[in-house]
Protein backbone atom coordinates (compact mmCIF):
# COMPACT_ATOMS: atom_id res chain seq x y z
CA MET A 1 18.43 -9.56 -7.78
CA ASN A 2 15.55 -11.30 -6.81
CA ILE A 3 15.09 -9.71 -3.69
CA VAL A 4 12.71 -7.37 -1.56
CA ASP A 5 12.91 -4.92 1.86
CA LYS A 6 11.40 -5.96 4.88
CA GLY A 7 12.06 -3.10 7.04
CA ASN A 8 15.77 -2.75 7.54
CA ILE A 9 15.77 -6.41 6.32
CA GLN A 10 16.74 -8.09 2.47
CA VAL A 11 14.29 -11.00 2.25
CA ARG A 12 15.14 -13.16 -1.13
CA LYS A 13 12.20 -13.75 -3.33
CA PRO A 14 11.43 -17.74 -3.45
CA LYS A 15 12.01 -19.81 -6.58
CA TRP A 16 8.34 -19.85 -7.43
CA LEU A 17 7.96 -16.46 -8.01
CA LYS A 18 11.50 -16.38 -10.30
CA ARG A 19 10.21 -15.74 -14.25
CA ARG A 20 11.86 -16.08 -17.16
CA LEU A 21 11.81 -13.25 -19.50
CA PRO A 22 10.78 -14.40 -22.90
CA THR A 23 11.32 -11.36 -25.58
CA GLY A 24 10.88 -11.99 -29.71
CA PRO A 25 9.88 -10.02 -32.66
CA GLU A 26 5.91 -9.76 -30.80
CA TYR A 27 7.63 -8.08 -27.59
CA GLU A 28 9.48 -5.85 -29.50
CA ARG A 29 6.52 -5.16 -31.64
CA MET A 30 4.36 -4.05 -28.86
CA LYS A 31 6.96 -1.99 -27.11
CA LYS A 32 7.35 -0.08 -30.19
CA LEU A 33 3.41 0.29 -30.61
CA ILE A 34 2.73 1.38 -27.40
CA LYS A 35 5.81 3.88 -27.47
CA ASN A 36 4.66 5.34 -31.12
CA ASN A 37 0.96 5.85 -29.67
CA SER A 38 1.93 7.73 -26.97
CA LEU A 39 -0.09 4.98 -24.83
CA THR A 40 0.39 4.01 -21.27
CA THR A 41 -0.01 0.16 -20.04
CA VAL A 42 -0.57 -0.57 -16.74
CA CYS A 43 1.95 -3.59 -17.42
CA GLN A 44 4.48 -1.15 -17.77
CA GLU A 45 3.63 1.86 -15.14
CA ALA A 46 2.55 -1.20 -11.99
CA LYS A 47 5.94 -3.07 -13.02
CA CYS A 48 3.73 -6.09 -13.66
CA PRO A 49 5.59 -8.96 -13.46
CA ASN A 50 3.96 -10.72 -16.46
CA GLN A 51 4.71 -8.01 -18.72
CA PHE A 52 7.36 -9.71 -20.44
CA GLU A 53 5.22 -12.63 -21.33
CA CYS A 54 1.86 -10.53 -21.79
CA PHE A 55 3.83 -8.38 -24.87
CA SER A 56 5.24 -11.00 -25.97
CA LYS A 57 1.97 -12.51 -26.90
CA GLY A 58 0.60 -9.39 -28.39
CA THR A 59 -1.67 -8.67 -25.34
CA ALA A 60 -1.46 -5.80 -22.90
CA THR A 61 -3.64 -3.67 -20.40
CA PHE A 62 -4.14 -0.25 -21.70
CA MET A 63 -4.10 2.60 -19.18
CA ILE A 64 -6.47 5.53 -19.85
CA LEU A 65 -6.70 8.77 -18.01
CA GLY A 66 -3.42 9.71 -17.89
CA GLU A 67 -0.19 8.01 -16.28
CA ARG A 68 -0.65 9.94 -12.67
CA CYS A 69 -3.14 9.07 -9.78
CA THR A 70 -4.90 11.17 -7.26
CA ARG A 71 -4.20 8.63 -4.81
CA ASN A 72 -1.20 7.32 -3.29
CA CYS A 73 -1.84 3.52 -2.39
CA GLY A 74 0.76 1.83 -0.33
CA PHE A 75 1.10 -0.84 -2.74
CA CYS A 76 0.85 0.76 -5.90
CA ALA A 77 4.02 1.73 -8.40
CA VAL A 78 1.92 4.18 -10.39
CA SER A 79 2.88 7.84 -9.81
CA HIS A 80 0.79 10.36 -8.44
CA LYS A 81 -0.14 14.19 -8.77
CA PRO A 82 0.60 16.34 -10.49
CA LEU A 83 -2.52 15.84 -12.99
CA GLY A 84 -3.62 17.27 -16.07
CA LEU A 85 -6.71 17.09 -18.06
CA PRO A 86 -7.32 13.96 -19.97
CA ASP A 87 -6.34 13.75 -23.75
CA PRO A 88 -9.46 13.53 -26.02
CA GLU A 89 -7.41 11.84 -28.33
CA GLU A 90 -6.20 8.75 -26.04
CA PRO A 91 -9.75 6.78 -26.62
CA SER A 92 -9.15 6.83 -30.47
CA ARG A 93 -5.23 5.73 -29.98
CA VAL A 94 -5.98 2.85 -27.91
CA ALA A 95 -8.50 1.38 -30.21
CA GLU A 96 -6.31 1.76 -33.15
CA ALA A 97 -4.08 -0.39 -30.92
CA VAL A 98 -6.25 -2.85 -30.18
CA ALA A 99 -7.15 -2.70 -34.23
CA SER A 100 -3.23 -3.04 -35.06
CA LEU A 101 -2.59 -6.07 -32.65
CA HIS A 102 -5.75 -7.98 -33.81
CA LEU A 103 -6.61 -8.16 -30.32
CA LYS A 104 -9.67 -10.77 -29.56
CA TYR A 105 -9.73 -9.08 -25.69
CA ALA A 106 -8.73 -5.89 -24.73
CA VAL A 107 -8.41 -4.86 -21.11
CA ILE A 108 -9.01 -1.19 -20.12
CA THR A 109 -7.99 0.04 -16.94
CA SER A 110 -7.27 3.60 -15.49
CA VAL A 111 -5.45 5.87 -13.00
CA THR A 112 -7.84 7.12 -10.15
CA ARG A 113 -9.14 10.65 -11.03
CA ASP A 114 -10.79 11.83 -8.25
CA ASP A 115 -10.17 15.47 -9.27
CA LEU A 116 -12.65 14.80 -12.06
CA PRO A 117 -16.23 15.16 -10.88
CA ASP A 118 -17.28 11.73 -12.56
CA GLY A 119 -14.11 9.93 -11.79
CA GLY A 120 -13.24 9.97 -16.09
CA ALA A 121 -16.30 7.97 -16.82
CA PRO A 122 -16.96 9.92 -20.33
CA HIS A 123 -13.07 8.88 -21.24
CA PHE A 124 -13.93 5.11 -20.14
CA ILE A 125 -17.33 5.45 -22.39
CA LYS A 126 -15.50 6.96 -25.24
CA THR A 127 -12.91 4.44 -25.14
CA ILE A 128 -15.13 1.31 -25.22
CA GLN A 129 -17.23 3.05 -28.23
CA GLU A 130 -13.75 3.43 -30.50
CA VAL A 131 -12.70 0.05 -29.67
CA HIS A 132 -16.40 -1.43 -30.88
CA ARG A 133 -15.92 0.88 -34.09
CA GLN A 134 -12.96 -0.43 -34.82
CA SER A 135 -13.06 -4.01 -33.86
CA PRO A 136 -16.49 -4.90 -33.70
CA GLY A 137 -15.77 -8.37 -32.95
CA THR A 138 -13.09 -7.44 -29.66
CA ARG A 139 -14.56 -8.12 -26.00
CA ILE A 140 -13.49 -5.60 -23.62
CA GLU A 141 -12.97 -5.52 -20.06
CA ILE A 142 -13.00 -2.67 -17.90
CA LEU A 143 -10.76 -2.36 -14.62
CA ILE A 144 -12.47 0.59 -13.18
CA PRO A 145 -11.70 2.87 -9.78
CA ASP A 146 -14.88 3.36 -7.78
CA LEU A 147 -15.89 6.63 -8.57
CA GLN A 148 -16.43 7.91 -5.62
CA GLY A 149 -19.71 6.20 -5.20
CA ASN A 150 -20.90 8.06 -8.55
CA TRP A 151 -23.81 5.12 -9.70
CA THR A 152 -24.91 7.56 -12.16
CA ALA A 153 -21.49 7.81 -13.84
CA LEU A 154 -21.03 3.49 -13.37
CA ALA A 155 -24.38 3.24 -15.12
CA LYS A 156 -23.13 5.25 -18.46
CA ILE A 157 -20.23 3.16 -18.31
CA LEU A 158 -21.95 0.00 -18.19
CA GLN A 159 -24.75 1.39 -21.07
CA ALA A 160 -21.72 1.53 -23.42
CA GLY A 161 -21.33 -2.45 -23.32
CA PRO A 162 -18.04 -3.76 -21.78
CA ASP A 163 -18.37 -7.45 -21.72
CA VAL A 164 -16.71 -7.60 -17.97
CA LEU A 165 -16.74 -5.19 -14.91
CA ASN A 166 -13.55 -5.35 -13.09
CA HIS A 167 -13.14 -3.58 -9.70
CA ASN A 168 -10.44 -4.70 -7.11
CA LEU A 169 -10.88 -4.72 -3.49
CA GLU A 170 -7.12 -5.23 -3.50
CA THR A 171 -7.04 -6.39 0.28
CA VAL A 172 -9.03 -7.32 3.17
CA PRO A 173 -10.88 -4.70 5.19
CA ARG A 174 -9.05 -4.04 8.17
CA LEU A 175 -5.59 -3.42 5.96
CA TYR A 176 -7.30 -0.42 4.28
CA SER A 177 -6.22 2.11 6.06
CA ARG A 178 -2.68 1.40 5.77
CA VAL A 179 -2.76 -0.14 1.80
CA ARG A 180 -5.32 1.76 0.27
CA PRO A 181 -6.01 4.84 3.04
CA GLU A 182 -8.37 7.04 0.42
CA ALA A 183 -10.68 4.00 -0.29
CA VAL A 184 -13.54 2.49 1.28
CA TYR A 185 -14.13 -0.93 1.36
CA GLU A 186 -17.81 -1.02 1.41
CA ARG A 187 -17.64 1.77 -1.70
CA SER A 188 -15.95 -0.67 -3.49
CA LEU A 189 -18.13 -3.52 -2.44
CA GLU A 190 -21.39 -1.28 -3.42
CA LEU A 191 -19.97 -0.59 -6.88
CA LEU A 192 -20.09 -4.00 -7.48
CA ARG A 193 -23.59 -4.75 -6.31
CA GLN A 194 -24.62 -1.62 -7.96
CA SER A 195 -23.30 -2.66 -11.40
CA LYS A 196 -25.01 -6.38 -11.06
CA ILE A 197 -28.35 -3.84 -10.30
CA ILE A 198 -27.62 -1.50 -13.41
CA SER A 199 -26.51 -4.70 -15.66
CA SER A 200 -27.05 -7.95 -14.41
CA LYS A 201 -26.15 -9.77 -17.41
CA THR A 202 -22.70 -8.02 -17.39
CA PRO A 203 -19.98 -10.53 -15.21
CA THR A 204 -18.33 -8.84 -12.45
CA LYS A 205 -14.72 -9.38 -11.27
CA SER A 206 -12.46 -8.26 -8.45
CA GLY A 207 -9.25 -9.12 -7.17
CA VAL A 208 -7.24 -9.23 -3.94
CA MET A 209 -3.61 -9.50 -3.28
CA LEU A 210 -2.27 -11.64 -0.56
CA GLY A 211 0.72 -11.28 1.44
CA LEU A 212 0.17 -8.06 2.74
CA GLY A 213 -0.48 -9.32 6.43
CA GLU A 214 -3.89 -10.61 6.21
CA THR A 215 -5.62 -13.88 7.60
CA VAL A 216 -6.70 -16.81 6.03
CA ASP A 217 -10.54 -16.09 7.97
CA GLU A 218 -10.25 -12.51 7.15
CA LEU A 219 -9.74 -13.56 3.36
CA ARG A 220 -12.86 -15.95 3.59
CA ASP A 221 -14.59 -13.33 4.76
CA THR A 222 -13.94 -10.76 1.93
CA MET A 223 -14.83 -13.92 -0.69
CA ARG A 224 -18.00 -14.07 0.93
CA ASP A 225 -18.31 -10.11 1.07
CA LEU A 226 -17.63 -10.15 -2.77
CA LEU A 227 -20.03 -13.22 -3.63
CA LYS A 228 -22.82 -11.16 -1.48
CA ASN A 229 -22.11 -8.19 -3.70
CA GLY A 230 -22.50 -10.02 -7.24
CA CYS A 231 -18.83 -10.94 -8.00
CA ASP A 232 -18.78 -13.55 -10.35
CA ILE A 233 -14.95 -13.59 -11.27
CA LEU A 234 -12.04 -13.86 -8.50
CA THR A 235 -8.17 -13.39 -9.02
CA LEU A 236 -5.68 -13.73 -6.30
CA GLY A 237 -2.14 -13.06 -6.51
CA GLN A 238 1.21 -12.48 -4.67
CA TYR A 239 1.94 -8.51 -3.63
CA LEU A 240 5.52 -7.39 -4.56
CA GLN A 241 6.84 -4.24 -3.50
CA PRO A 242 7.46 -2.59 -5.77
CA SER A 243 10.17 -0.17 -4.13
CA ARG A 244 11.48 0.46 -0.62
CA SER A 245 9.01 3.34 -0.29
CA HIS A 246 6.12 0.99 -0.81
CA LEU A 247 4.63 -1.49 1.79
CA PRO A 248 6.93 -4.56 2.50
CA VAL A 249 5.87 -8.08 2.03
CA GLU A 250 4.69 -9.55 4.68
CA ARG A 251 4.79 -13.16 3.67
CA PHE A 252 5.22 -15.27 0.52
CA VAL A 253 2.50 -17.36 -0.31
CA PRO A 254 2.72 -20.90 -1.88
CA PRO A 255 1.68 -21.67 -4.87
CA GLU A 256 -0.20 -25.19 -3.05
CA GLU A 257 -1.80 -22.52 -0.95
CA PHE A 258 -2.91 -20.40 -3.78
CA ASP A 259 -4.12 -23.83 -5.35
CA SER A 260 -6.10 -24.57 -1.95
CA LEU A 261 -7.91 -20.85 -2.13
CA LYS A 262 -9.07 -21.34 -5.80
CA LYS A 263 -10.46 -24.57 -4.36
CA GLU A 264 -12.07 -22.97 -2.13
CA ALA A 265 -13.24 -19.76 -3.82
CA MET A 266 -15.13 -22.31 -6.25
CA GLU A 267 -16.55 -24.31 -3.46
CA LEU A 268 -18.04 -21.16 -2.30
CA GLY A 269 -19.66 -20.18 -5.75
CA PHE A 270 -17.51 -17.85 -7.77
CA LYS A 271 -17.71 -18.68 -11.61
CA GLY A 272 -14.54 -18.23 -12.42
CA VAL A 273 -10.83 -18.26 -10.16
CA ALA A 274 -7.27 -17.56 -11.09
CA SER A 275 -4.97 -17.78 -8.13
CA SER A 276 -1.42 -17.95 -8.48
CA PRO A 277 1.63 -16.06 -7.17
CA THR A 278 2.04 -14.25 -10.67
CA VAL A 279 -1.65 -13.77 -11.10
CA ARG A 280 -2.70 -10.23 -11.50
CA SER A 281 -5.89 -8.96 -12.05
CA SER A 282 -5.92 -8.74 -15.87
CA PHE A 283 -3.69 -12.05 -16.71
CA GLU A 284 -5.45 -14.52 -18.60
CA ALA A 285 -8.47 -12.00 -18.94
CA SER A 286 -9.95 -13.84 -21.85
CA SER A 287 -9.73 -17.37 -20.46
CA LEU A 288 -11.46 -16.52 -17.50
CA TYR A 289 -14.38 -14.73 -19.12
CA ASN A 290 -14.89 -18.00 -21.41
CA GLU A 291 -14.81 -19.97 -18.15
CA VAL A 292 -17.79 -17.96 -16.90
CA VAL A 293 -19.35 -17.56 -20.27
CA THR A 294 -19.30 -21.51 -20.77
CA SER A 295 -20.49 -22.04 -17.01
CA VAL A 296 -23.84 -19.93 -17.41
């Protein structure tokens, strides 16, 4: 049923959020490959609404450093604790999957590992290197956690040569204590700023969820903050409540409002913007990257 909880009230999802679920041989091949190679995708772990469409097109966002997170954000469906050491074979398996799928563009993200002094940076580096080795023509976008402000670890990741550095703000600063209680808004902005200092030619990207109680003025201020800190690409999508234990949806933002926000964001100065109810940070990432490259 297309119903979400809002306190004790059940709210039906609007029609624009209802998706047809494409399946077929490519979708089944992707599911089999992920299972057989003991891989984790954020598509499945975070219950992304686009996973059926992306899988049917032979694309996925691979999640490394395990499938459990040290943080427990109010919006996220990824499991948290207990944790183990990172699997040293995981980077090779991800690279093998990228090669097997003949991907021209791969997105690699991770859970947050505050239990590791470098946030798991060596694992990102090894995964990037393995993909480069096995699929030299594949572009790589990495979606990283805040590394607890370890900019030395960030520099090492960027030196491995990703094509895009993505780090999501997720929401406006006023809502951080409720939505991302273990994160720091200013630290996330600083990560994007430091990325440009370290590697000025690497496009940076960030995403914000709508419908958590933010105001339009707060969102505008957040977009300006991103631009001031060197962010090139912005994604805006509708927050959906993964389960009853997660934060409720405060508002379903209509598609025409997303269209208006995209126009405003482009006028503010972003080089690429994806904005719609079903957008997630890695959805159609290759197309966004190409927009930025051609605009330079």
